[in-house]
Structures are given as C-alpha cells and as structure tokens.
Amino acid sequence: MRAGGRILVLLAVLAGLSGGATASAEPVCDNGLRFSMGDGDAAMGLRVVQVQVLNCGPESLQLNGYPQVQLLDEDRRPLTVDILEGSGGISSVEGFDDPPQPITVLPGETAKSAFMWKNRNTGEVEPQLARYADMAAAPGGTWYDLAPRPGSTTLYIDLGTTGRLGVKAWHR
C-alpha cells in the first residue's frame, strides 16, 4: 500500500474512533414497542400506507382493535383530525374494513395496520400536513413516535382539507 493509501485508512479509522461515524436511522427499541411506517400506495388522491408495530419487550402483546393515532405538524403540534376506525367511508379498499381479531404478538414479532386518507383540497380551509405521529397499540397504552420510512426524517401525510384519517385494525 502506498503512503497516501495508508494515510486515508488511518484517517478513516480515527474518524470512526472520534465518533465521526453516522448513527443508523433505525430507531432503537430496547424495551417496549416500535412503530414504523412502511410502503404506501397513492392513486388519484387516495393514499394507503402500511404501519407496523414491533414488540421489543419481554412480554407478549395482546391486540384486538385499532392503533391509537395522533397526527402532528412540523412543530409537533397536534392537528385537528378525525381518526376513524376502518375506512370511515373514505374509500373502498379490500380488507381495510375487516373487523378486529385478537392476536398475540410475541417478543420480536410484528403486527400490521394501515392508514388511509384522501388528499383533497377545497380551498375553504388550510390544508393539513402531518410530519410526525404518535401511536399507542390500544386505548390507554403508552404512546410512541411513529418512525418514518427508511431514508426519511419525517412523515408526509398530506390530508389536504379532508381532516380524516382511516385506520385499519391490527392484523398479521
């Protein structure tokens, strides 16, 4: 190896030792739950995006219902939004309105849900854009941040002026 190559290797090692390495975008989940946003589909203003919960705790998680959701703006202020169980008439998507079924999520396992909304703007009120969300697995549960898609630092839930978000029941 030439001298220039050795210097570059030495600089890379020193950068790693001094904390110059970047942290992973993957949220830490030592105990409890981790909520994350998955893939989505958008067509003609209708948005459907997958959401999942990872059980990071030592105990089984019992689910039988809908996740609890609070949408927040870019300053983490709550948006005034109707959170609907199921589609709430937003649109007809196969399986979205399936009734809740009891499921057990063992440590290290995941369960899924989904969000549905329409980006429609009437011009009568200011459009709403959620950049963050808090979630709980069930009513009365502990609230956690919803992690954005990999590679993103914030969410992009563009509700327009509809003010409505449909939430699918937990499922496998």
Protein backbone atom coordinates (compact mmCIF):
# COMPACT_ATOMS: atom_id res chain seq x y z
CA MET A 1 0.00 0.00 0.00
CA ARG A 2 1.29 3.43 -0.87
CA ALA A 3 1.80 6.13 1.75
CA GLY A 4 -1.26 8.08 0.55
CA GLY A 5 -3.43 4.99 0.92
CA ARG A 6 -2.16 4.38 4.47
CA ILE A 7 -2.97 7.96 5.43
CA LEU A 8 -6.55 7.62 4.13
CA VAL A 9 -7.03 4.36 6.05
CA LEU A 10 -5.63 5.98 9.21
CA LEU A 11 -7.96 8.98 8.80
CA ALA A 12 -10.98 6.69 8.35
CA VAL A 13 -10.08 4.73 11.49
CA LEU A 14 -9.56 7.92 13.50
CA ALA A 15 -12.90 9.33 12.30
CA GLY A 16 -14.62 6.16 13.49
CA LEU A 17 -12.92 6.33 16.89
CA SER A 18 -13.77 10.00 17.37
CA GLY A 19 -17.47 9.47 16.83
CA GLY A 20 -17.39 10.70 13.26
CA ALA A 21 -19.43 7.72 12.11
CA THR A 22 -23.08 8.45 11.49
CA ALA A 23 -25.74 6.74 13.57
CA SER A 24 -28.23 4.39 12.00
CA ALA A 25 -31.59 5.88 11.03
CA GLU A 26 -33.27 2.80 12.52
CA PRO A 27 -34.89 3.76 15.84
CA VAL A 28 -33.66 1.99 18.95
CA CYS A 29 -36.08 -0.45 20.52
CA ASP A 30 -34.59 -1.80 23.75
CA ASN A 31 -37.87 -2.35 25.55
CA GLY A 32 -41.50 -1.72 24.70
CA LEU A 33 -42.76 -1.14 21.19
CA ARG A 34 -41.51 0.40 17.96
CA PHE A 35 -44.00 1.76 15.42
CA SER A 36 -42.79 2.24 11.86
CA MET A 37 -44.23 3.31 8.53
CA GLY A 38 -43.89 1.00 5.58
CA ASP A 39 -44.72 1.11 1.91
CA GLY A 40 -47.65 3.04 0.57
CA ASP A 41 -49.80 3.45 -2.48
CA ALA A 42 -51.17 6.68 -3.88
CA ALA A 43 -53.62 6.89 -6.74
CA MET A 44 -55.88 9.80 -7.73
CA GLY A 45 -55.60 11.43 -4.30
CA LEU A 46 -56.20 8.23 -2.28
CA ARG A 47 -53.31 7.29 -0.01
CA VAL A 48 -52.89 3.96 1.76
CA VAL A 49 -49.73 3.30 3.78
CA GLN A 50 -48.74 0.29 5.88
CA VAL A 51 -47.84 0.70 9.56
CA GLN A 52 -46.35 -1.93 11.82
CA VAL A 53 -45.55 -2.43 15.47
CA LEU A 54 -42.55 -4.44 16.67
CA ASN A 55 -42.76 -5.93 20.14
CA CYS A 56 -39.34 -5.16 21.67
CA GLY A 57 -40.36 -6.02 25.19
CA PRO A 58 -40.01 -9.25 27.17
CA GLU A 59 -43.77 -9.92 27.37
CA SER A 60 -46.36 -10.94 24.79
CA LEU A 61 -48.53 -8.14 23.43
CA GLN A 62 -52.28 -8.79 23.13
CA LEU A 63 -54.02 -6.79 20.41
CA ASN A 64 -57.70 -6.73 19.48
CA GLY A 65 -58.69 -3.47 17.90
CA TYR A 66 -57.20 -0.39 16.33
CA PRO A 67 -54.00 1.52 16.99
CA GLN A 68 -54.42 4.91 18.60
CA VAL A 69 -53.06 7.74 16.46
CA GLN A 70 -52.30 11.43 16.98
CA LEU A 71 -51.07 13.38 13.93
CA LEU A 72 -48.69 16.31 14.49
CA ASP A 73 -47.49 19.20 12.32
CA GLU A 74 -43.87 20.19 11.62
CA ASP A 75 -43.66 21.86 15.06
CA ARG A 76 -45.10 18.71 16.72
CA ARG A 77 -48.41 20.47 17.45
CA PRO A 78 -51.50 18.20 17.25
CA LEU A 79 -53.59 18.50 14.11
CA THR A 80 -57.38 18.61 14.36
CA VAL A 81 -58.15 15.38 12.51
CA ASP A 82 -60.89 12.76 12.75
CA ILE A 83 -59.22 9.39 13.37
CA LEU A 84 -61.61 6.75 12.03
CA GLU A 85 -61.77 3.04 12.86
CA GLY A 86 -61.63 1.45 9.41
CA SER A 87 -62.08 3.43 6.21
CA GLY A 88 -64.93 5.58 7.56
CA GLY A 89 -66.24 5.86 4.02
CA ILE A 90 -63.06 7.46 2.68
CA SER A 91 -62.83 4.76 0.02
CA SER A 92 -63.46 1.06 -0.51
CA VAL A 93 -60.23 -0.93 -0.26
CA GLU A 94 -60.38 -4.71 0.06
CA GLY A 95 -59.70 -5.86 3.63
CA PHE A 96 -59.39 -2.38 5.11
CA ASP A 97 -62.69 -2.67 6.98
CA ASP A 98 -62.15 -6.23 8.22
CA PRO A 99 -63.25 -6.40 11.88
CA PRO A 100 -60.63 -6.64 14.63
CA GLN A 101 -59.46 -10.12 15.62
CA PRO A 102 -57.48 -10.98 18.75
CA ILE A 103 -53.80 -11.54 18.01
CA THR A 104 -50.79 -12.23 20.19
CA VAL A 105 -47.51 -10.57 19.26
CA LEU A 106 -44.60 -12.39 20.89
CA PRO A 107 -41.32 -10.59 21.70
CA GLY A 108 -39.51 -9.89 18.44
CA GLU A 109 -42.67 -10.27 16.32
CA THR A 110 -44.69 -7.65 14.45
CA ALA A 111 -48.32 -6.82 13.74
CA LYS A 112 -49.61 -4.60 10.95
CA SER A 113 -52.14 -1.86 10.43
CA ALA A 114 -52.58 0.79 7.73
CA PHE A 115 -53.62 4.40 7.27
CA MET A 116 -55.97 5.63 4.55
CA TRP A 117 -56.69 9.22 3.55
CA LYS A 118 -57.52 11.37 0.57
CA ASN A 119 -55.53 14.39 -0.39
CA ARG A 120 -58.30 16.71 -1.46
CA ASN A 121 -58.20 20.49 -1.23
CA THR A 122 -61.41 22.51 -1.29
CA GLY A 123 -59.78 25.88 -0.62
CA GLU A 124 -62.25 26.51 2.23
CA VAL A 125 -59.72 25.76 4.98
CA GLU A 126 -55.94 25.46 5.21
CA PRO A 127 -54.59 22.05 4.01
CA GLN A 128 -53.15 19.84 6.76
CA LEU A 129 -49.80 18.07 6.53
CA ALA A 130 -48.69 15.69 9.28
CA ARG A 131 -44.91 15.48 9.62
CA TYR A 132 -44.97 13.41 12.84
CA ALA A 133 -47.33 11.00 14.56
CA ASP A 134 -47.62 9.42 17.98
CA MET A 135 -49.14 5.95 18.34
CA ALA A 136 -50.29 3.59 21.05
CA ALA A 137 -51.11 -0.09 20.48
CA ALA A 138 -54.50 0.25 22.22
CA PRO A 139 -56.56 2.78 24.19
CA GLY A 140 -54.78 3.67 27.42
CA GLY A 141 -51.45 2.33 26.12
CA THR A 142 -48.07 4.02 26.14
CA TRP A 143 -47.54 6.49 23.30
CA TYR A 144 -44.53 6.17 21.00
CA ASP A 145 -43.26 8.07 17.95
CA LEU A 146 -44.14 6.62 14.55
CA ALA A 147 -40.84 6.21 12.69
CA PRO A 148 -40.89 7.43 9.08
CA ARG A 149 -39.93 5.32 6.10
CA PRO A 150 -36.24 4.42 5.90
CA GLY A 151 -34.27 7.32 4.46
CA SER A 152 -36.75 9.94 5.72
CA THR A 153 -36.56 12.09 8.82
CA THR A 154 -40.26 12.98 8.96
CA LEU A 155 -43.59 11.63 7.79
CA TYR A 156 -45.59 13.01 4.88
CA ILE A 157 -49.30 12.51 5.50
CA ASP A 158 -50.89 15.09 3.20
CA LEU A 159 -54.52 15.17 4.31
CA GLY A 160 -55.38 18.26 2.31
CA THR A 161 -58.57 19.79 3.71
CA THR A 162 -60.35 16.48 4.40
CA GLY A 163 -59.32 16.27 8.08
CA ARG A 164 -59.90 12.50 8.11
CA LEU A 165 -57.60 9.50 8.59
CA GLY A 166 -58.86 5.92 8.38
CA VAL A 167 -57.03 3.31 10.47
CA LYS A 168 -57.11 -0.43 9.78
CA ALA A 169 -57.47 -2.88 12.69
CA TRP A 170 -54.35 -4.74 13.81
CA HIS A 171 -53.69 -7.89 11.77
CA ARG A 172 -50.88 -10.25 10.76
